[in-house]
Each structure stands twice: as C-alpha cells, then as structure tokens.
Amino acid sequence: MKEALAREGAVNITKLNLGKNTGLGLKTGVFIGDALIANSAIPIDKLSFKKVYLGEDGLCRILEACNANKNIKKVHLGYVSSKGLKLMADVLKTNKSLSKLKF
C-alpha cells in the first residue's frame, strides 16, 4: 500500500535536485538511474547533481536513464572526471537520441 501511494505522489515530480548533498556516495548515480529507468513514465524534466561526483558507473546509469525517460530535458552532472567526460562523449556519439539534452 505504501509503495502504491508513493508512486501516485511521484507522478507530480518534475525536477529532482540532489545538488550539494555532501553525503551522497559514488553509487548515487547508479541508484537514481535505476529508479528513473524503472519508472520511465514519471515526467521528470530536470535533474541536478550540482557539486556531486557520480563516478563513471553513476554517470553511465544517469545517461541510460535519460535515454529511457524521454521527458528529461536538462541535466546538471556536477563533477565529472576526465575519464567520465570521454565516456560521456562516447555515449553521446553513439546515441543520437540524447542530443536533445542540455548539460
């Protein structure tokens, strides 16, 4: 019952701002990405991870979530390593549907 109520309330979420949360770990991007992929119909249009380091795995999962959830229009990724930037460039090069995103 709680899960159903949480999902009912979640349909009104359009922005997810996890920026400046210093307690977030490297798995945050993976967990949030998984949740966004599993609930791709939720109309989130903006994600913010300002001043958060997601790591390469988290970055990949967030990009996968952006591909799965066509409502996402803008993403602020926070800190990205040089390896993460290369990974991001490779993903964007091979997946043209992500070109709609603003970073």
C-alpha atoms as a PDB file:
ATOM      1  CA  MET A   1       0.000   0.000   0.000  1.00  0.00           C
ATOM      2  CA  LYS A   2       2.789   2.455   0.912  1.00  0.00           C
ATOM      3  CA  GLU A   3       4.542   1.690  -2.364  1.00  0.00           C
ATOM      4  CA  ALA A   4       1.367   2.422  -4.368  1.00  0.00           C
ATOM      5  CA  LEU A   5       0.879   5.729  -2.544  1.00  0.00           C
ATOM      6  CA  ALA A   6       4.487   6.707  -3.150  1.00  0.00           C
ATOM      7  CA  ARG A   7       4.096   6.029  -6.849  1.00  0.00           C
ATOM      8  CA  GLU A   8       0.854   8.008  -7.015  1.00  0.00           C
ATOM      9  CA  GLY A   9       2.554  11.041  -5.456  1.00  0.00           C
ATOM     10  CA  ALA A  10       5.649  10.648  -7.616  1.00  0.00           C
ATOM     11  CA  VAL A  11       3.821  11.480 -10.843  1.00  0.00           C
ATOM     12  CA  ASN A  12       3.892  15.146  -9.822  1.00  0.00           C
ATOM     13  CA  ILE A  13       7.686  15.297  -9.564  1.00  0.00           C
ATOM     14  CA  THR A  14       9.167  17.255 -12.465  1.00  0.00           C
ATOM     15  CA  LYS A  15      12.522  18.319 -11.003  1.00  0.00           C
ATOM     16  CA  LEU A  16      14.983  16.269  -8.996  1.00  0.00           C
ATOM     17  CA  ASN A  17      17.675  18.343  -7.321  1.00  0.00           C
ATOM     18  CA  LEU A  18      20.260  16.328  -5.416  1.00  0.00           C
ATOM     19  CA  GLY A  19      22.885  19.046  -5.706  1.00  0.00           C
ATOM     20  CA  LYS A  20      25.122  19.996  -2.804  1.00  0.00           C
ATOM     21  CA  ASN A  21      24.274  16.796  -0.909  1.00  0.00           C
ATOM     22  CA  THR A  22      27.685  16.041   0.538  1.00  0.00           C
ATOM     23  CA  GLY A  23      26.581  12.708   1.984  1.00  0.00           C
ATOM     24  CA  LEU A  24      25.869  11.123  -1.393  1.00  0.00           C
ATOM     25  CA  GLY A  25      28.153   8.232  -2.276  1.00  0.00           C
ATOM     26  CA  LEU A  26      29.514   7.034  -5.594  1.00  0.00           C
ATOM     27  CA  LYS A  27      26.567   4.667  -6.045  1.00  0.00           C
ATOM     28  CA  THR A  28      24.046   7.532  -6.013  1.00  0.00           C
ATOM     29  CA  GLY A  29      24.011   7.855  -9.801  1.00  0.00           C
ATOM     30  CA  VAL A  30      23.518   4.110 -10.164  1.00  0.00           C
ATOM     31  CA  PHE A  31      20.610   4.048  -7.687  1.00  0.00           C
ATOM     32  CA  ILE A  32      18.912   7.165  -9.081  1.00  0.00           C
ATOM     33  CA  GLY A  33      19.497   5.967 -12.646  1.00  0.00           C
ATOM     34  CA  ASP A  34      17.961   2.586 -11.838  1.00  0.00           C
ATOM     35  CA  ALA A  35      14.915   4.272 -10.290  1.00  0.00           C
ATOM     36  CA  LEU A  36      14.469   6.536 -13.307  1.00  0.00           C
ATOM     37  CA  ILE A  37      14.782   3.599 -15.706  1.00  0.00           C
ATOM     38  CA  ALA A  38      12.291   1.512 -13.711  1.00  0.00           C
ATOM     39  CA  ASN A  39       9.839   4.442 -13.622  1.00  0.00           C
ATOM     40  CA  SER A  40      10.442   5.958 -17.047  1.00  0.00           C
ATOM     41  CA  ALA A  41       6.877   7.309 -17.270  1.00  0.00           C
ATOM     42  CA  ILE A  42       7.436   9.753 -14.384  1.00  0.00           C
ATOM     43  CA  PRO A  43       7.563  13.206 -16.013  1.00  0.00           C
ATOM     44  CA  ILE A  44      10.869  14.428 -14.572  1.00  0.00           C
ATOM     45  CA  ASP A  45      12.243  17.057 -16.910  1.00  0.00           C
ATOM     46  CA  LYS A  46      15.257  18.318 -14.951  1.00  0.00           C
ATOM     47  CA  LEU A  47      17.957  16.506 -12.946  1.00  0.00           C
ATOM     48  CA  SER A  48      20.594  18.287 -10.921  1.00  0.00           C
ATOM     49  CA  PHE A  49      23.668  16.774  -9.288  1.00  0.00           C
ATOM     50  CA  LYS A  50      25.464  20.099  -8.771  1.00  0.00           C
ATOM     51  CA  LYS A  51      28.651  19.617  -6.728  1.00  0.00           C
ATOM     52  CA  VAL A  52      28.123  15.829  -6.624  1.00  0.00           C
ATOM     53  CA  TYR A  53      30.637  13.343  -8.011  1.00  0.00           C
ATOM     54  CA  LEU A  54      28.718  10.422  -9.506  1.00  0.00           C
ATOM     55  CA  GLY A  55      31.686   8.343 -10.656  1.00  0.00           C
ATOM     56  CA  GLU A  56      31.858   6.692 -14.067  1.00  0.00           C
ATOM     57  CA  ASP A  57      29.250   3.994 -13.272  1.00  0.00           C
ATOM     58  CA  GLY A  58      26.807   6.568 -11.935  1.00  0.00           C
ATOM     59  CA  LEU A  59      27.356   8.830 -14.925  1.00  0.00           C
ATOM     60  CA  CYS A  60      26.651   5.930 -17.308  1.00  0.00           C
ATOM     61  CA  ARG A  61      23.480   4.980 -15.462  1.00  0.00           C
ATOM     62  CA  ILE A  62      22.207   8.570 -15.447  1.00  0.00           C
ATOM     63  CA  LEU A  63      22.790   8.788 -19.210  1.00  0.00           C
ATOM     64  CA  GLU A  64      20.969   5.466 -19.663  1.00  0.00           C
ATOM     65  CA  ALA A  65      18.098   6.856 -17.579  1.00  0.00           C
ATOM     66  CA  CYS A  66      17.982   9.986 -19.753  1.00  0.00           C
ATOM     67  CA  ASN A  67      17.673   7.733 -22.773  1.00  0.00           C
ATOM     68  CA  ALA A  68      14.903   5.653 -21.140  1.00  0.00           C
ATOM     69  CA  ASN A  69      12.934   8.653 -19.823  1.00  0.00           C
ATOM     70  CA  LYS A  70      12.188  10.865 -22.818  1.00  0.00           C
ATOM     71  CA  ASN A  71      10.797  13.603 -20.530  1.00  0.00           C
ATOM     72  CA  ILE A  72      14.240  14.566 -19.205  1.00  0.00           C
ATOM     73  CA  LYS A  73      15.377  17.703 -20.998  1.00  0.00           C
ATOM     74  CA  LYS A  74      18.094  19.164 -18.763  1.00  0.00           C
ATOM     75  CA  VAL A  75      20.796  17.529 -16.653  1.00  0.00           C
ATOM     76  CA  HIS A  76      23.400  19.166 -14.419  1.00  0.00           C
ATOM     77  CA  LEU A  77      26.002  16.495 -13.773  1.00  0.00           C
ATOM     78  CA  GLY A  78      28.220  18.240 -11.241  1.00  0.00           C
ATOM     79  CA  TYR A  79      31.781  16.956 -11.075  1.00  0.00           C
ATOM     80  CA  VAL A  80      32.852  14.729 -13.968  1.00  0.00           C
ATOM     81  CA  SER A  81      36.322  13.179 -14.221  1.00  0.00           C
ATOM     82  CA  SER A  82      38.323  13.251 -17.459  1.00  0.00           C
ATOM     83  CA  LYS A  83      37.554   9.538 -17.874  1.00  0.00           C
ATOM     84  CA  GLY A  84      33.869  10.348 -17.298  1.00  0.00           C
ATOM     85  CA  LEU A  85      33.975  13.073 -19.966  1.00  0.00           C
ATOM     86  CA  LYS A  86      35.412  10.645 -22.507  1.00  0.00           C
ATOM     87  CA  LEU A  87      32.789   8.075 -21.569  1.00  0.00           C
ATOM     88  CA  MET A  88      30.070  10.695 -21.879  1.00  0.00           C
ATOM     89  CA  ALA A  89      31.344  11.775 -25.308  1.00  0.00           C
ATOM     90  CA  ASP A  90      31.344   8.152 -26.495  1.00  0.00           C
ATOM     91  CA  VAL A  91      27.780   7.598 -25.263  1.00  0.00           C
ATOM     92  CA  LEU A  92      26.536  10.827 -26.854  1.00  0.00           C
ATOM     93  CA  LYS A  93      28.291   9.997 -30.127  1.00  0.00           C
ATOM     94  CA  THR A  94      26.665   6.575 -30.390  1.00  0.00           C
ATOM     95  CA  ASN A  95      23.257   7.538 -29.013  1.00  0.00           C
ATOM     96  CA  LYS A  96      21.817  10.411 -31.020  1.00  0.00           C
ATOM     97  CA  SER A  97      18.564  10.459 -29.013  1.00  0.00           C
ATOM     98  CA  LEU A  98      20.497  12.021 -26.120  1.00  0.00           C
ATOM     99  CA  SER A  99      21.411  15.039 -28.236  1.00  0.00           C
ATOM    100  CA  LYS A 100      18.152  16.691 -27.042  1.00  0.00           C
ATOM    101  CA  LEU A 101      19.618  17.089 -23.561  1.00  0.00           C
ATOM    102  CA  LYS A 102      21.039  20.317 -22.194  1.00  0.00           C
ATOM    103  CA  PHE A 103      24.026  19.846 -19.916  1.00  0.00           C
END
